[in-house]
Amino acid sequence: MSELKPCPFCGSKPKIFTLKRKGYVDIHYIECVNRKCNEPFSKAYDEEEVVKKWNTRHYPPEVQQAVERMKPKEPMYSYEGTGKCPVCRDLVNTTEDRNFCWNCGQALDWGEE
């Protein structure tokens, strides 16, 4: 079995559990031992698979959304000098701070002008 990495949020050592129920397939799950950490546990039917899932380091949804906002997206053009944010559809002026949408914070890539 692969070695468990520490919790990606608090650094505590995780613990692996096995839920055994008569007549059912065993379910293995891993969770952070730090009860103050809100790290969701990983679960799977195979012990090696649950370790692999845990070590993949999934981010909470709000962190993943922030990462996605930082990936520049091409604005949707509506008319010369102004475009629309591809996420919130708000107008963005190319002459102002054009690297980010002022409304939602999405990074923008205007390409070569």
N, C-alpha and C. Protein backbone atom coordinates (compact mmCIF):
# COMPACT_ATOMS: atom_id res chain seq x y z
N MET A 1 0.84 -1.18 0.00
CA MET A 1 0.00 0.00 0.00
C MET A 1 0.88 1.24 0.00
N SER A 2 0.47 2.24 -0.75
CA SER A 2 1.20 3.50 -0.82
C SER A 2 1.13 4.23 0.52
N GLU A 3 2.11 5.10 0.76
CA GLU A 3 2.14 5.88 1.98
C GLU A 3 1.14 7.03 1.89
N LEU A 4 0.43 7.27 2.99
CA LEU A 4 -0.53 8.38 3.03
C LEU A 4 0.20 9.70 3.21
N LYS A 5 -0.15 10.67 2.38
CA LYS A 5 0.41 12.01 2.54
C LYS A 5 -0.34 12.70 3.67
N PRO A 6 0.28 13.72 4.30
CA PRO A 6 -0.44 14.46 5.34
C PRO A 6 -1.61 15.24 4.76
N CYS A 7 -2.48 15.69 5.63
CA CYS A 7 -3.64 16.48 5.21
C CYS A 7 -3.15 17.71 4.45
N PRO A 8 -3.69 17.99 3.27
CA PRO A 8 -3.22 19.13 2.48
C PRO A 8 -3.62 20.49 3.07
N PHE A 9 -4.50 20.50 4.06
CA PHE A 9 -4.97 21.77 4.61
C PHE A 9 -4.36 22.11 5.96
N CYS A 10 -4.18 21.10 6.82
CA CYS A 10 -3.64 21.41 8.14
C CYS A 10 -2.32 20.71 8.41
N GLY A 11 -1.93 19.73 7.58
CA GLY A 11 -0.65 19.04 7.74
C GLY A 11 -0.68 17.88 8.72
N SER A 12 -1.84 17.61 9.33
CA SER A 12 -1.94 16.50 10.28
C SER A 12 -1.88 15.16 9.56
N LYS A 13 -1.57 14.13 10.33
CA LYS A 13 -1.52 12.78 9.75
C LYS A 13 -2.94 12.25 9.61
N PRO A 14 -3.30 11.71 8.45
CA PRO A 14 -4.64 11.15 8.27
C PRO A 14 -4.72 9.73 8.82
N LYS A 15 -5.92 9.22 8.94
CA LYS A 15 -6.11 7.86 9.43
C LYS A 15 -7.04 7.13 8.46
N ILE A 16 -6.72 5.88 8.20
CA ILE A 16 -7.55 5.07 7.30
C ILE A 16 -8.48 4.18 8.13
N PHE A 17 -9.74 4.12 7.73
CA PHE A 17 -10.75 3.33 8.42
C PHE A 17 -11.37 2.35 7.42
N THR A 18 -11.88 1.23 7.93
CA THR A 18 -12.59 0.28 7.09
C THR A 18 -13.96 0.02 7.72
N LEU A 19 -15.00 0.26 6.95
CA LEU A 19 -16.36 0.02 7.40
C LEU A 19 -16.75 -1.36 6.90
N LYS A 20 -16.90 -2.30 7.83
CA LYS A 20 -17.26 -3.68 7.47
C LYS A 20 -18.70 -3.93 7.90
N ARG A 21 -19.49 -4.33 6.92
CA ARG A 21 -20.89 -4.65 7.20
C ARG A 21 -21.19 -6.03 6.62
N LYS A 22 -21.81 -6.87 7.39
CA LYS A 22 -22.11 -8.23 6.97
C LYS A 22 -22.95 -8.25 5.70
N GLY A 23 -22.48 -8.96 4.71
CA GLY A 23 -23.22 -9.08 3.46
C GLY A 23 -22.97 -7.96 2.46
N TYR A 24 -22.10 -7.01 2.82
CA TYR A 24 -21.79 -5.89 1.93
C TYR A 24 -20.29 -5.84 1.66
N VAL A 25 -19.92 -5.16 0.61
CA VAL A 25 -18.51 -4.95 0.30
C VAL A 25 -17.94 -3.95 1.30
N ASP A 26 -16.71 -4.20 1.77
CA ASP A 26 -16.07 -3.28 2.71
C ASP A 26 -15.84 -1.92 2.05
N ILE A 27 -16.02 -0.85 2.81
CA ILE A 27 -15.74 0.50 2.33
C ILE A 27 -14.60 1.05 3.16
N HIS A 28 -13.57 1.51 2.47
CA HIS A 28 -12.41 2.11 3.14
C HIS A 28 -12.54 3.62 3.01
N TYR A 29 -12.19 4.31 4.08
CA TYR A 29 -12.20 5.77 4.00
C TYR A 29 -11.07 6.35 4.83
N ILE A 30 -10.65 7.55 4.43
CA ILE A 30 -9.55 8.25 5.09
C ILE A 30 -10.06 9.62 5.48
N GLU A 31 -9.71 10.04 6.68
CA GLU A 31 -10.04 11.40 7.08
C GLU A 31 -8.93 11.95 7.96
N CYS A 32 -8.89 13.24 8.05
CA CYS A 32 -7.89 13.94 8.86
C CYS A 32 -8.19 13.69 10.33
N VAL A 33 -7.16 13.45 11.13
CA VAL A 33 -7.37 13.22 12.56
C VAL A 33 -7.65 14.51 13.33
N ASN A 34 -7.34 15.64 12.72
CA ASN A 34 -7.58 16.94 13.34
C ASN A 34 -9.06 17.28 13.16
N ARG A 35 -9.83 17.23 14.21
CA ARG A 35 -11.27 17.47 14.13
C ARG A 35 -11.62 18.91 13.77
N LYS A 36 -10.68 19.84 13.93
CA LYS A 36 -10.93 21.23 13.56
C LYS A 36 -10.77 21.43 12.06
N CYS A 37 -10.13 20.49 11.39
CA CYS A 37 -9.92 20.56 9.94
C CYS A 37 -11.18 20.05 9.26
N ASN A 38 -11.66 20.77 8.29
CA ASN A 38 -12.87 20.37 7.58
C ASN A 38 -12.57 19.60 6.31
N GLU A 39 -11.40 18.96 6.26
CA GLU A 39 -11.03 18.18 5.08
C GLU A 39 -12.03 17.04 4.89
N PRO A 40 -12.76 17.01 3.77
CA PRO A 40 -13.67 15.90 3.53
C PRO A 40 -12.89 14.61 3.34
N PHE A 41 -13.46 13.51 3.78
CA PHE A 41 -12.75 12.25 3.66
C PHE A 41 -12.87 11.68 2.26
N SER A 42 -11.92 10.80 1.93
CA SER A 42 -11.97 10.07 0.67
C SER A 42 -12.49 8.67 0.98
N LYS A 43 -13.29 8.13 0.08
CA LYS A 43 -13.77 6.77 0.30
C LYS A 43 -13.76 5.99 -1.00
N ALA A 44 -13.58 4.66 -0.87
CA ALA A 44 -13.55 3.75 -2.02
C ALA A 44 -13.71 2.32 -1.52
N TYR A 45 -13.98 1.41 -2.42
CA TYR A 45 -14.13 0.00 -2.05
C TYR A 45 -12.77 -0.69 -1.93
N ASP A 46 -11.77 -0.18 -2.59
CA ASP A 46 -10.43 -0.77 -2.57
C ASP A 46 -9.50 0.10 -1.72
N GLU A 47 -8.74 -0.50 -0.84
CA GLU A 47 -7.86 0.26 0.06
C GLU A 47 -6.80 1.04 -0.71
N GLU A 48 -6.22 0.45 -1.74
CA GLU A 48 -5.21 1.16 -2.54
C GLU A 48 -5.83 2.35 -3.27
N GLU A 49 -7.07 2.18 -3.73
CA GLU A 49 -7.77 3.26 -4.44
C GLU A 49 -8.06 4.44 -3.53
N VAL A 50 -8.45 4.17 -2.28
CA VAL A 50 -8.75 5.26 -1.36
C VAL A 50 -7.49 6.05 -1.02
N VAL A 51 -6.36 5.37 -0.91
CA VAL A 51 -5.08 6.05 -0.65
C VAL A 51 -4.72 6.93 -1.85
N LYS A 52 -4.91 6.39 -3.05
CA LYS A 52 -4.63 7.14 -4.27
C LYS A 52 -5.50 8.41 -4.34
N LYS A 53 -6.79 8.26 -4.01
CA LYS A 53 -7.69 9.42 -4.01
C LYS A 53 -7.24 10.47 -3.00
N TRP A 54 -6.89 10.02 -1.80
CA TRP A 54 -6.46 10.97 -0.75
C TRP A 54 -5.22 11.72 -1.18
N ASN A 55 -4.27 11.01 -1.75
CA ASN A 55 -3.00 11.62 -2.14
C ASN A 55 -3.12 12.52 -3.37
N THR A 56 -4.27 12.51 -4.05
CA THR A 56 -4.47 13.35 -5.22
C THR A 56 -4.64 14.81 -4.84
N ARG A 57 -5.05 15.10 -3.64
CA ARG A 57 -5.15 16.46 -3.11
C ARG A 57 -6.21 17.31 -3.80
N HIS A 58 -7.44 16.93 -3.65
CA HIS A 58 -8.53 17.75 -4.20
C HIS A 58 -8.68 19.01 -3.36
N TYR A 59 -8.97 20.11 -4.01
CA TYR A 59 -9.16 21.38 -3.32
C TYR A 59 -10.64 21.59 -3.02
N PRO A 60 -10.95 22.35 -1.97
CA PRO A 60 -12.35 22.70 -1.72
C PRO A 60 -12.90 23.51 -2.89
N PRO A 61 -14.20 23.49 -3.11
CA PRO A 61 -14.79 24.19 -4.26
C PRO A 61 -14.42 25.66 -4.36
N GLU A 62 -14.36 26.37 -3.23
CA GLU A 62 -14.06 27.80 -3.29
C GLU A 62 -12.62 28.05 -3.74
N VAL A 63 -11.70 27.15 -3.38
CA VAL A 63 -10.31 27.28 -3.82
C VAL A 63 -10.22 26.97 -5.31
N GLN A 64 -10.91 25.93 -5.76
CA GLN A 64 -10.90 25.57 -7.17
C GLN A 64 -11.47 26.69 -8.03
N GLN A 65 -12.53 27.36 -7.54
CA GLN A 65 -13.11 28.48 -8.28
C GLN A 65 -12.12 29.63 -8.40
N ALA A 66 -11.37 29.90 -7.33
CA ALA A 66 -10.37 30.98 -7.37
C ALA A 66 -9.27 30.64 -8.36
N VAL A 67 -8.85 29.39 -8.40
CA VAL A 67 -7.82 28.96 -9.36
C VAL A 67 -8.33 29.14 -10.78
N GLU A 68 -9.58 28.76 -11.04
CA GLU A 68 -10.16 28.90 -12.37
C GLU A 68 -10.26 30.36 -12.79
N ARG A 69 -10.60 31.26 -11.84
CA ARG A 69 -10.69 32.69 -12.16
C ARG A 69 -9.35 33.28 -12.57
N MET A 70 -8.26 32.69 -12.10
CA MET A 70 -6.94 33.21 -12.42
C MET A 70 -6.44 32.73 -13.78
N LYS A 71 -7.10 31.76 -14.38
CA LYS A 71 -6.73 31.32 -15.72
C LYS A 71 -7.36 32.28 -16.71
N PRO A 72 -6.54 33.05 -17.46
CA PRO A 72 -7.10 34.05 -18.38
C PRO A 72 -8.01 33.43 -19.44
N LYS A 73 -9.14 34.08 -19.63
CA LYS A 73 -10.09 33.67 -20.68
C LYS A 73 -10.27 34.82 -21.64
N GLU A 74 -10.53 34.49 -22.88
CA GLU A 74 -10.72 35.51 -23.91
C GLU A 74 -12.10 36.15 -23.75
N PRO A 75 -12.14 37.49 -23.72
CA PRO A 75 -13.44 38.17 -23.60
C PRO A 75 -14.28 37.96 -24.86
N MET A 76 -15.58 38.08 -24.69
CA MET A 76 -16.48 38.04 -25.83
C MET A 76 -16.64 39.48 -26.29
N TYR A 77 -16.33 39.76 -27.54
CA TYR A 77 -16.39 41.13 -28.04
C TYR A 77 -17.82 41.50 -28.41
N SER A 78 -18.21 42.73 -28.04
CA SER A 78 -19.53 43.21 -28.44
C SER A 78 -19.39 44.36 -29.42
N TYR A 79 -18.42 45.26 -29.19
CA TYR A 79 -18.11 46.31 -30.16
C TYR A 79 -16.72 46.83 -29.85
N GLU A 80 -16.15 47.62 -30.75
CA GLU A 80 -14.76 48.06 -30.66
C GLU A 80 -14.45 48.74 -29.32
N GLY A 81 -13.37 48.31 -28.67
CA GLY A 81 -12.93 48.91 -27.42
C GLY A 81 -13.61 48.35 -26.19
N THR A 82 -14.62 47.54 -26.37
CA THR A 82 -15.34 46.97 -25.24
C THR A 82 -15.65 45.51 -25.52
N GLY A 83 -15.56 44.69 -24.50
CA GLY A 83 -15.90 43.29 -24.63
C GLY A 83 -16.79 42.87 -23.47
N LYS A 84 -17.16 41.61 -23.46
CA LYS A 84 -17.96 41.08 -22.36
C LYS A 84 -17.16 39.99 -21.67
N CYS A 85 -17.26 39.97 -20.35
CA CYS A 85 -16.60 38.93 -19.56
C CYS A 85 -17.24 37.59 -19.93
N PRO A 86 -16.44 36.54 -20.20
CA PRO A 86 -17.01 35.25 -20.57
C PRO A 86 -17.69 34.53 -19.41
N VAL A 87 -17.48 35.00 -18.19
CA VAL A 87 -18.06 34.34 -17.02
C VAL A 87 -19.35 35.02 -16.58
N CYS A 88 -19.27 36.33 -16.28
CA CYS A 88 -20.45 37.04 -15.75
C CYS A 88 -21.19 37.84 -16.82
N ARG A 89 -20.63 37.93 -18.02
CA ARG A 89 -21.22 38.62 -19.17
C ARG A 89 -21.33 40.14 -18.98
N ASP A 90 -20.59 40.70 -18.01
CA ASP A 90 -20.60 42.14 -17.79
C ASP A 90 -19.67 42.80 -18.80
N LEU A 91 -19.93 44.07 -19.12
CA LEU A 91 -19.09 44.80 -20.06
C LEU A 91 -17.72 45.10 -19.45
N VAL A 92 -16.68 44.97 -20.27
CA VAL A 92 -15.32 45.25 -19.84
C VAL A 92 -14.71 46.18 -20.88
N ASN A 93 -14.16 47.28 -20.43
CA ASN A 93 -13.57 48.28 -21.32
C ASN A 93 -12.08 47.98 -21.50
N THR A 94 -11.60 47.97 -22.73
CA THR A 94 -10.20 47.65 -22.99
C THR A 94 -9.26 48.76 -22.58
N THR A 95 -9.74 49.98 -22.38
CA THR A 95 -8.87 51.09 -22.04
C THR A 95 -8.61 51.20 -20.54
N GLU A 96 -9.45 50.57 -19.72
CA GLU A 96 -9.27 50.62 -18.27
C GLU A 96 -8.41 49.43 -17.85
N ASP A 97 -8.49 49.04 -16.56
CA ASP A 97 -7.74 47.88 -16.09
C ASP A 97 -8.31 46.66 -16.79
N ARG A 98 -7.66 46.28 -17.83
CA ARG A 98 -8.22 45.27 -18.73
C ARG A 98 -7.77 43.86 -18.45
N ASN A 99 -6.98 43.64 -17.40
CA ASN A 99 -6.49 42.30 -17.11
C ASN A 99 -7.48 41.45 -16.33
N PHE A 100 -8.45 42.11 -15.66
CA PHE A 100 -9.43 41.40 -14.86
C PHE A 100 -10.80 42.04 -15.04
N CYS A 101 -11.85 41.23 -14.95
CA CYS A 101 -13.21 41.76 -14.96
C CYS A 101 -13.45 42.45 -13.63
N TRP A 102 -13.92 43.68 -13.66
CA TRP A 102 -14.14 44.43 -12.42
C TRP A 102 -15.29 43.85 -11.60
N ASN A 103 -16.17 43.11 -12.24
CA ASN A 103 -17.34 42.59 -11.56
C ASN A 103 -17.08 41.27 -10.85
N CYS A 104 -16.50 40.29 -11.54
CA CYS A 104 -16.34 38.95 -10.94
C CYS A 104 -14.89 38.57 -10.68
N GLY A 105 -13.92 39.36 -11.20
CA GLY A 105 -12.51 39.07 -10.94
C GLY A 105 -11.87 38.10 -11.91
N GLN A 106 -12.60 37.66 -12.93
CA GLN A 106 -12.05 36.72 -13.92
C GLN A 106 -10.87 37.35 -14.64
N ALA A 107 -9.74 36.61 -14.74
CA ALA A 107 -8.58 37.07 -15.51
C ALA A 107 -8.95 37.05 -16.99
N LEU A 108 -8.52 38.08 -17.70
CA LEU A 108 -8.88 38.22 -19.12
C LEU A 108 -7.63 38.22 -20.00
N ASP A 109 -7.75 37.60 -21.16
CA ASP A 109 -6.66 37.56 -22.13
C ASP A 109 -7.19 38.19 -23.41
N TRP A 110 -6.73 39.41 -23.70
CA TRP A 110 -7.21 40.13 -24.88
C TRP A 110 -6.43 39.74 -26.13
N GLY A 111 -5.42 38.91 -25.98
CA GLY A 111 -4.64 38.49 -27.13
C GLY A 111 -3.81 39.61 -27.69
N GLU A 112 -3.38 39.48 -28.92
CA GLU A 112 -2.59 40.52 -29.60
C GLU A 112 -3.50 41.58 -30.16
N GLU A 113 -3.20 42.84 -29.83
CA GLU A 113 -4.00 43.95 -30.38
C GLU A 113 -3.13 44.84 -31.20
